[in-house]
Protein backbone atom coordinates (compact mmCIF):
# COMPACT_ATOMS: atom_id res chain seq x y z
CA MET A 1 61.04 146.75 28.16
CA THR A 2 60.01 143.28 29.35
CA SER A 3 56.29 142.85 29.98
CA THR A 4 55.01 141.46 33.27
CA PRO A 5 54.32 137.71 33.01
CA ASP A 6 50.87 136.29 33.55
CA TYR A 7 51.55 134.53 36.83
CA ARG A 8 48.32 132.56 36.49
CA SER A 9 49.22 131.13 33.10
CA GLN A 10 49.79 127.39 33.20
CA ASP A 11 52.29 127.75 30.35
CA TRP A 12 54.31 130.30 32.31
CA LEU A 13 54.16 128.25 35.53
CA LEU A 14 55.28 125.11 33.72
CA SER A 15 58.10 126.99 32.03
CA GLN A 16 59.33 128.06 35.46
CA ALA A 17 59.04 124.52 36.79
CA ARG A 18 61.09 123.20 33.89
CA ALA A 19 63.74 125.85 34.48
CA ILE A 20 64.00 124.76 38.13
CA LEU A 21 64.31 121.11 37.15
CA LYS A 22 66.95 121.93 34.55
CA PHE A 23 69.00 123.71 37.20
CA HIS A 24 68.73 120.91 39.76
CA ASP A 25 69.51 118.14 37.27
CA ALA A 26 73.15 118.95 38.03
CA GLY A 27 72.68 117.78 41.62
CA ARG A 28 72.86 114.09 40.75
CA ASP A 29 75.97 112.61 42.36
CA PRO A 30 77.55 109.77 40.33
CA SER A 31 78.46 108.08 43.63
CA GLY A 32 74.82 108.03 44.71
CA GLY A 33 72.27 110.47 46.03
CA PHE A 34 72.39 114.18 45.30
CA ARG A 35 74.71 117.09 46.02
CA ALA A 36 73.97 120.68 46.95
CA LEU A 37 74.57 123.29 44.24
CA ASP A 38 76.27 126.66 44.48
CA LEU A 39 74.81 129.92 43.22
CA GLU A 40 75.85 129.13 39.64
CA GLY A 41 74.46 125.61 39.72
CA LYS A 42 77.71 123.73 40.21
CA PRO A 43 77.99 120.97 42.83
CA PHE A 44 79.96 122.05 45.86
CA PRO A 45 83.39 120.39 46.10
CA ALA A 46 83.25 117.10 47.97
CA GLY A 47 85.46 116.33 50.96
CA PRO A 48 87.56 113.18 51.53
CA GLY A 49 84.40 111.17 52.18
CA GLY A 50 82.52 112.58 49.24
CA ALA A 51 79.63 114.97 49.51
CA PRO A 52 77.37 114.89 52.59
CA ARG A 53 73.88 113.65 51.71
CA ILE A 54 71.30 115.16 54.04
CA LEU A 55 68.16 113.08 54.54
CA HIS A 56 65.53 115.68 53.77
CA ASP A 57 67.46 116.94 50.73
CA ILE A 58 67.60 113.45 49.23
CA CYS A 59 63.90 112.88 49.92
CA ARG A 60 62.86 116.25 48.51
CA MET A 61 64.69 115.51 45.26
CA ILE A 62 62.90 112.15 45.02
CA HIS A 63 59.56 113.82 45.70
CA CYS A 64 60.11 116.61 43.19
CA TYR A 65 61.38 114.41 40.37
CA ALA A 66 58.54 111.97 40.99
CA ILE A 67 56.14 114.90 40.48
CA ALA A 68 58.20 115.90 37.43
CA THR A 69 57.27 112.62 35.74
CA ARG A 70 53.76 114.11 35.43
CA ILE A 71 55.07 116.82 33.12
CA ASP A 72 57.29 114.36 31.24
CA TRP A 73 60.56 115.89 32.38
CA PRO A 74 63.39 113.97 30.64
CA GLY A 75 65.23 111.69 33.03
CA ALA A 76 62.84 112.31 35.93
CA ALA A 77 62.15 108.61 36.56
CA GLU A 78 65.88 107.87 36.54
CA MET A 79 66.46 110.62 39.12
CA VAL A 80 63.81 109.06 41.36
CA ASP A 81 65.42 105.63 41.03
CA HIS A 82 68.86 107.12 41.75
CA GLY A 83 67.63 108.73 44.97
CA MET A 84 65.59 105.73 46.10
CA ASN A 85 68.59 103.46 45.73
CA TRP A 86 70.72 105.72 47.90
CA LEU A 87 68.06 106.01 50.59
CA LEU A 88 67.47 102.29 50.87
CA THR A 89 71.07 101.10 50.63
CA ARG A 90 73.12 103.89 52.20
CA GLN A 91 70.97 106.24 54.30
CA TYR A 92 68.94 103.51 56.01
CA ASP A 93 70.22 102.19 59.34
CA ALA A 94 69.97 98.42 58.90
CA VAL A 95 70.98 97.82 62.54
CA ASN A 96 68.62 100.11 64.45
CA GLY A 97 66.05 101.05 61.83
CA GLY A 98 65.26 104.54 60.67
CA PHE A 99 67.35 106.81 58.50
CA PHE A 100 70.55 108.66 59.34
CA TRP A 101 70.40 112.44 59.11
CA ALA A 102 73.64 112.79 57.10
CA VAL A 103 75.79 110.24 55.26
CA ASP A 104 78.81 110.46 52.98
CA ASP A 105 80.52 107.83 50.83
CA ASN A 106 82.05 106.23 53.93
CA GLY A 107 78.91 106.04 56.07
CA PRO A 108 77.07 108.17 58.63
CA ILE A 109 78.57 111.56 59.49
CA ASP A 110 75.54 112.62 61.56
CA PRO A 111 73.70 109.49 62.74
CA LEU A 112 70.85 111.28 64.54
CA LYS A 113 67.28 110.18 63.85
CA GLN A 114 65.22 113.29 63.13
CA ALA A 115 61.42 113.36 62.84
CA TYR A 116 61.78 116.18 60.32
CA GLY A 117 63.81 114.02 57.96
CA HIS A 118 61.54 111.00 58.41
CA ALA A 119 58.54 113.08 57.40
CA PHE A 120 60.24 113.58 54.06
CA VAL A 121 60.98 109.86 53.81
CA LEU A 122 57.22 109.29 53.81
CA LEU A 123 56.63 112.12 51.34
CA ALA A 124 59.23 110.63 49.01
CA ALA A 125 57.65 107.18 49.31
CA ALA A 126 54.17 108.48 48.48
CA SER A 127 55.33 110.49 45.47
CA ALA A 128 57.52 107.63 44.23
CA HIS A 129 54.50 105.33 44.45
CA GLN A 130 52.41 107.65 42.33
CA ALA A 131 55.28 107.70 39.83
CA GLY A 132 55.20 103.89 39.73
CA HIS A 133 58.46 103.13 41.54
CA LYS A 134 58.83 99.48 42.55
CA ASP A 135 60.34 100.19 45.99
CA ALA A 136 57.89 102.86 47.14
CA GLU A 137 56.00 100.54 49.48
CA LYS A 138 59.23 99.27 50.99
CA LEU A 139 60.30 102.84 51.74
CA ARG A 140 56.85 103.63 53.12
CA ASP A 141 56.97 100.67 55.49
CA LEU A 142 60.43 101.59 56.78
CA GLY A 143 59.32 105.17 57.36
CA LEU A 144 56.09 104.15 59.08
CA ASP A 145 57.94 101.69 61.31
CA ALA A 146 60.19 104.50 62.56
CA LEU A 147 57.21 106.80 62.96
CA TRP A 148 54.95 104.51 64.98
CA THR A 149 57.68 102.73 66.93
CA HIS A 150 59.81 105.68 67.96
CA PHE A 151 58.59 109.15 67.01
CA TRP A 152 54.84 109.02 67.58
CA ASP A 153 53.64 110.02 71.05
CA GLN A 154 50.23 108.45 71.49
CA ASP A 155 49.44 110.56 74.55
CA PHE A 156 49.90 113.84 72.70
CA GLN A 157 49.05 112.70 69.14
CA ALA A 158 52.17 114.25 67.67
CA VAL A 159 55.83 113.33 67.20
CA SER A 160 58.91 113.73 69.32
CA ASP A 161 61.78 115.38 67.55
CA THR A 162 65.25 113.81 67.72
CA PHE A 163 66.99 110.66 68.96
CA ASP A 164 70.46 109.15 68.86
CA ALA A 165 71.10 106.49 66.25
CA ASP A 166 70.00 103.70 68.62
CA TRP A 167 66.82 105.63 69.55
CA SER A 168 68.16 106.59 72.98
CA ASN A 169 68.57 110.09 74.45
CA GLY A 170 65.44 111.68 73.06
CA LEU A 171 65.83 115.45 72.82
CA PRO A 172 63.69 117.19 75.48
CA TYR A 173 62.11 119.37 72.82
CA ARG A 174 58.98 119.23 70.71
CA GLY A 175 58.65 121.31 67.58
CA GLN A 176 55.83 122.16 65.25
CA ASN A 177 58.12 122.18 62.19
CA ALA A 178 58.61 118.40 62.11
CA ASN A 179 54.92 117.89 62.86
CA MET A 180 53.88 120.26 60.08
CA HIS A 181 55.92 118.40 57.49
CA LEU A 182 54.68 115.10 58.85
CA THR A 183 51.12 116.33 58.29
CA GLU A 184 52.01 117.04 54.67
CA ALA A 185 53.63 113.62 54.32
CA LEU A 186 50.76 111.74 55.96
CA MET A 187 48.29 113.37 53.58
CA ALA A 188 50.46 112.25 50.67
CA VAL A 189 50.61 108.70 52.07
CA TYR A 190 46.83 108.69 52.51
CA THR A 191 46.37 109.92 48.93
CA ALA A 192 48.68 107.20 47.64
CA TRP A 193 47.37 104.24 49.67
CA GLY A 194 44.11 105.28 51.35
CA ASP A 195 44.70 104.21 54.96
CA PRO A 196 42.21 106.17 57.13
CA ASP A 197 44.44 105.84 60.23
CA ILE A 198 47.07 107.86 58.40
CA LEU A 199 44.62 110.67 57.71
CA ALA A 200 43.47 110.56 61.35
CA ALA A 201 47.05 111.13 62.51
CA ALA A 202 47.40 114.14 60.20
CA THR A 203 44.15 115.52 61.57
CA ALA A 204 45.25 115.03 65.18
CA ILE A 205 48.48 116.96 64.59
CA SER A 206 46.66 119.84 62.92
CA GLU A 207 44.08 119.95 65.70
CA ARG A 208 46.80 120.39 68.32
CA ILE A 209 49.07 122.83 66.53
CA ILE A 210 46.57 124.90 64.56
CA ASN A 211 43.06 124.59 66.01
CA GLN A 212 44.35 124.76 69.58
CA ASN A 213 47.68 126.57 69.75
CA ALA A 214 47.61 128.84 66.68
CA ARG A 215 43.98 129.80 67.25
CA ALA A 216 44.75 130.74 70.86
CA ALA A 217 47.70 132.84 69.64
CA GLY A 218 45.60 134.84 67.17
CA TRP A 219 46.58 132.69 64.18
CA VAL A 220 50.29 132.94 64.87
CA VAL A 221 51.84 129.46 64.92
CA PRO A 222 53.85 128.70 68.10
CA GLU A 223 57.03 126.89 67.09
CA HIS A 224 58.62 125.43 70.21
CA PHE A 225 57.28 123.22 72.98
CA THR A 226 58.35 121.30 76.05
CA PRO A 227 58.10 117.48 76.15
CA GLY A 228 54.66 117.96 77.71
CA TRP A 229 53.61 120.15 74.77
CA GLN A 230 53.57 123.41 76.68
CA ILE A 231 54.63 126.38 74.55
CA ASP A 232 58.28 127.29 75.18
CA PRO A 233 58.49 130.99 74.21
CA ASP A 234 62.15 131.36 75.21
CA PHE A 235 63.57 128.50 73.14
CA ASP A 236 66.40 129.51 70.79
CA GLY A 237 67.87 126.78 68.63
CA ASP A 238 69.38 126.15 65.23
CA ALA A 239 68.88 129.15 62.94
CA MET A 240 67.80 126.96 60.04
CA PHE A 241 65.35 124.54 61.65
CA ARG A 242 64.54 125.88 65.13
CA PRO A 243 65.04 129.66 65.29
CA SER A 244 63.69 131.56 68.26
CA GLY A 245 60.31 133.25 68.00
CA THR A 246 57.71 132.40 65.38
CA THR A 247 58.06 131.98 61.64
CA PRO A 248 55.46 133.62 59.32
CA GLY A 249 56.44 131.27 56.52
CA HIS A 250 55.20 128.31 58.53
CA ALA A 251 51.81 129.97 59.01
CA LEU A 252 51.62 130.36 55.22
CA GLU A 253 52.59 126.73 54.76
CA TRP A 254 49.99 125.57 57.27
CA SER A 255 47.37 127.70 55.52
CA ARG A 256 47.65 125.51 52.44
CA LEU A 257 48.02 122.27 54.38
CA VAL A 258 44.84 122.67 56.42
CA LEU A 259 42.93 123.43 53.22
CA GLU A 260 44.27 120.23 51.69
CA LEU A 261 43.35 118.33 54.84
CA TRP A 262 39.85 119.81 54.66
CA GLN A 263 39.52 118.52 51.11
CA LEU A 264 40.81 115.05 51.95
CA SER A 265 38.51 114.85 54.99
CA GLY A 266 35.38 115.49 52.97
CA ARG A 267 35.11 119.19 53.87
CA ARG A 268 33.59 118.34 57.23
CA ALA A 269 35.68 120.43 59.68
CA ALA A 270 34.56 124.05 59.42
CA TRP A 271 37.53 125.22 61.47
CA MET A 272 39.98 124.31 58.69
CA PRO A 273 39.07 126.94 56.04
CA GLU A 274 38.62 129.44 58.87
CA ALA A 275 42.13 128.66 60.09
CA ALA A 276 43.61 128.80 56.58
CA GLN A 277 42.28 132.31 56.10
CA GLY A 278 43.30 133.51 59.55
CA LEU A 279 46.82 132.13 59.23
CA TYR A 280 47.38 133.76 55.85
CA ARG A 281 45.98 137.14 56.79
CA GLN A 282 47.99 137.30 60.00
CA ALA A 283 51.22 136.19 58.31
CA VAL A 284 51.06 138.90 55.66
CA ALA A 285 49.97 141.51 58.22
CA LEU A 286 52.88 140.79 60.56
CA GLY A 287 55.52 139.31 58.28
CA TRP A 288 55.51 141.20 54.97
CA LEU A 289 58.31 143.76 54.99
CA PRO A 290 58.01 147.31 53.60
CA GLU A 291 60.68 146.56 50.98
CA GLY A 292 58.94 143.30 50.03
CA GLY A 293 59.44 139.73 51.10
CA PHE A 294 58.66 138.08 54.41
CA ALA A 295 60.60 138.47 57.62
CA TYR A 296 62.10 135.18 58.70
CA THR A 297 61.02 135.39 62.34
CA LEU A 298 58.89 137.42 64.73
CA GLY A 299 59.46 137.93 68.41
CA ASN A 300 56.96 137.03 71.09
CA ASP A 301 55.58 140.57 70.79
CA GLY A 302 54.66 139.94 67.14
CA LYS A 303 57.30 142.34 65.84
CA VAL A 304 59.99 141.41 63.35
CA SER A 305 62.99 139.84 65.08
CA ARG A 306 64.91 138.68 61.99
CA ASP A 307 64.30 140.63 58.80
CA TRP A 308 66.17 138.03 56.79
CA ARG A 309 64.44 137.53 53.44
CA LEU A 310 64.39 133.91 52.29
CA TRP A 311 62.78 132.42 49.19
CA TRP A 312 60.70 129.71 50.79
CA PRO A 313 58.11 131.89 52.62
CA CYS A 314 57.34 133.54 49.29
CA ALA A 315 56.97 130.15 47.63
CA GLU A 316 54.57 129.04 50.35
CA ALA A 317 52.62 132.32 50.15
CA ILE A 318 52.12 131.77 46.43
CA ALA A 319 50.83 128.22 46.77
CA ALA A 320 48.58 129.08 49.73
CA ALA A 321 47.10 132.16 48.05
CA TRP A 322 46.22 130.08 45.00
CA ALA A 323 44.62 127.37 47.15
CA LEU A 324 42.61 129.94 49.11
CA ASP A 325 41.45 131.65 45.95
CA GLN A 326 40.23 128.31 44.64
CA THR A 327 38.39 127.53 47.86
CA VAL A 328 37.07 130.78 49.34
CA PRO A 329 37.28 133.30 46.47
CA ASP A 330 38.15 136.80 47.59
CA PRO A 331 40.16 139.49 45.75
CA PHE A 332 42.53 139.51 48.73
CA TRP A 333 44.03 136.15 47.75
CA GLY A 334 44.54 137.04 44.11
CA THR A 335 46.15 140.34 45.05
CA TRP A 336 48.66 138.61 47.28
CA TYR A 337 49.27 135.86 44.75
CA ASP A 338 50.28 138.43 42.14
CA ARG A 339 52.20 140.59 44.62
CA VAL A 340 54.33 137.76 45.93
CA TRP A 341 54.96 136.31 42.47
CA ALA A 342 56.07 139.72 41.20
CA PHE A 343 58.48 140.11 44.11
CA THR A 344 59.75 136.55 43.68
CA ASP A 345 60.23 137.03 39.95
CA ALA A 346 62.23 140.20 40.53
CA SER A 347 64.19 139.12 43.60
CA PHE A 348 64.53 135.33 43.92
CA ILE A 349 64.32 133.79 40.44
CA ASP A 350 67.85 133.84 39.08
CA HIS A 351 67.38 134.80 35.44
CA GLU A 352 71.11 134.50 34.79
CA PHE A 353 72.22 131.19 36.30
CA GLY A 354 68.87 129.50 36.92
CA GLY A 355 67.23 128.22 40.05
CA TRP A 356 65.97 130.40 42.89
CA ILE A 357 68.23 132.50 45.09
CA HIS A 358 67.69 131.36 48.67
CA GLU A 359 68.27 134.63 50.51
CA ILE A 360 68.73 138.28 49.61
CA ASP A 361 70.36 141.08 51.56
CA PRO A 362 68.80 144.51 52.22
CA GLU A 363 69.91 145.64 48.74
CA GLY A 364 68.32 142.60 47.11
CA LYS A 365 71.61 140.84 46.33
CA PRO A 366 72.22 137.13 47.01
CA GLN A 367 73.24 136.30 50.57
CA THR A 368 74.25 132.98 52.11
CA ARG A 369 73.67 133.52 55.81
CA VAL A 370 71.34 130.55 56.39
CA PHE A 371 71.69 128.44 53.23
CA ASN A 372 74.90 128.00 51.27
CA GLY A 373 74.25 128.20 47.54
CA LYS A 374 70.95 126.86 46.16
CA PRO A 375 70.56 123.41 47.74
CA ASP A 376 66.76 123.11 47.68
CA ILE A 377 64.27 122.41 44.89
CA TYR A 378 61.16 121.62 46.93
CA HIS A 379 59.56 124.96 47.82
CA ALA A 380 60.16 126.63 44.47
CA LEU A 381 58.95 123.72 42.36
CA GLN A 382 55.76 123.36 44.38
CA ALA A 383 55.08 127.10 44.04
CA CYS A 384 54.96 126.50 40.29
CA LEU A 385 53.24 123.12 40.08
CA ILE A 386 50.49 123.64 42.66
CA PRO A 387 48.99 126.66 40.84
CA ALA A 388 49.59 124.87 37.54
CA GLY A 389 47.28 122.09 38.76
CA VAL A 390 49.94 119.40 38.49
CA MET A 391 49.96 118.52 42.18
CA GLY A 392 47.63 118.96 45.15
CA PRO A 393 43.90 118.34 45.45
CA ARG A 394 41.21 119.73 43.19
CA TYR A 395 40.00 122.63 45.29
CA ARG A 396 36.84 123.15 43.22
């Protein structure tokens, strides 16, 4: 009988991180960029134009392998360089500025400019800088130019969502998801280069979405807004990025992010640790399913609307519980840290093929309703490396 791992052990956490990196090493595309992997870790077959390279996927691989240089993962620096070269030479729109959402070997296949993807451009730049990459500042400047020139709405202190390739036809939608990831990215940029205006923008976003909207909603994070930043409770969009209702996993993610922002801001804003605790407690109260795992979405009544069980809310719950336990010690956080790790270990970590299964069905078997295969490294790797102390602020 296998004994239960010590989920707090740095050795165990690093062993899991290395297993994730080993799995995703296979994603390197010889033609440039990275390819999504199937359940067994094989790259999906490419079409006539080669594999599609999605902006946030490329950036997340750069970010994660830049972090992997800190644990001396073999070939990590070369993976960063491989991704950076693709971003700057193939994904960047040299005519209009900004980065295309999806590109194959022949050029753009989805030329939209998405705030969500550009947030990860900045995250990739910051992590590449800390890994010593020569083009990190160039990537940062291109990302910031798109941010301040096109996405940032000075009146509302947050970003618009989507534009055509030439920055026309802005989508009449505002979403917290892009703004949440931009907050993460801006904190990384501030950590890398120290510009106080960058930290001020991250603070402004969190004030609007968390201290105003989530607080008013009882620490549930509203997802969808009109162009005037009024909550749009009836919006129903893409099941992956803009599903109807609210998403407990995002509350868990924000829980960690506002704690990090509190640290970077000199621990001055008392609302931030209060919000982090409220967001976490409400997410587990409403979102944790009787059979384990988090529901993907809740309806406007706070009840489960999609009981789909994905890996990433568990990854975010792990990292946030660890950060809370470091900051405001309470047995509650440690209990949830262990509970979610145990469920993740049993249900999402693929002990046969490697990597993390992205979704499970009601019987706990792999399902590919939202994500095809195992395309993403970001959430799982951070769930290992944040508690291992490899990334993130020093909470104590």
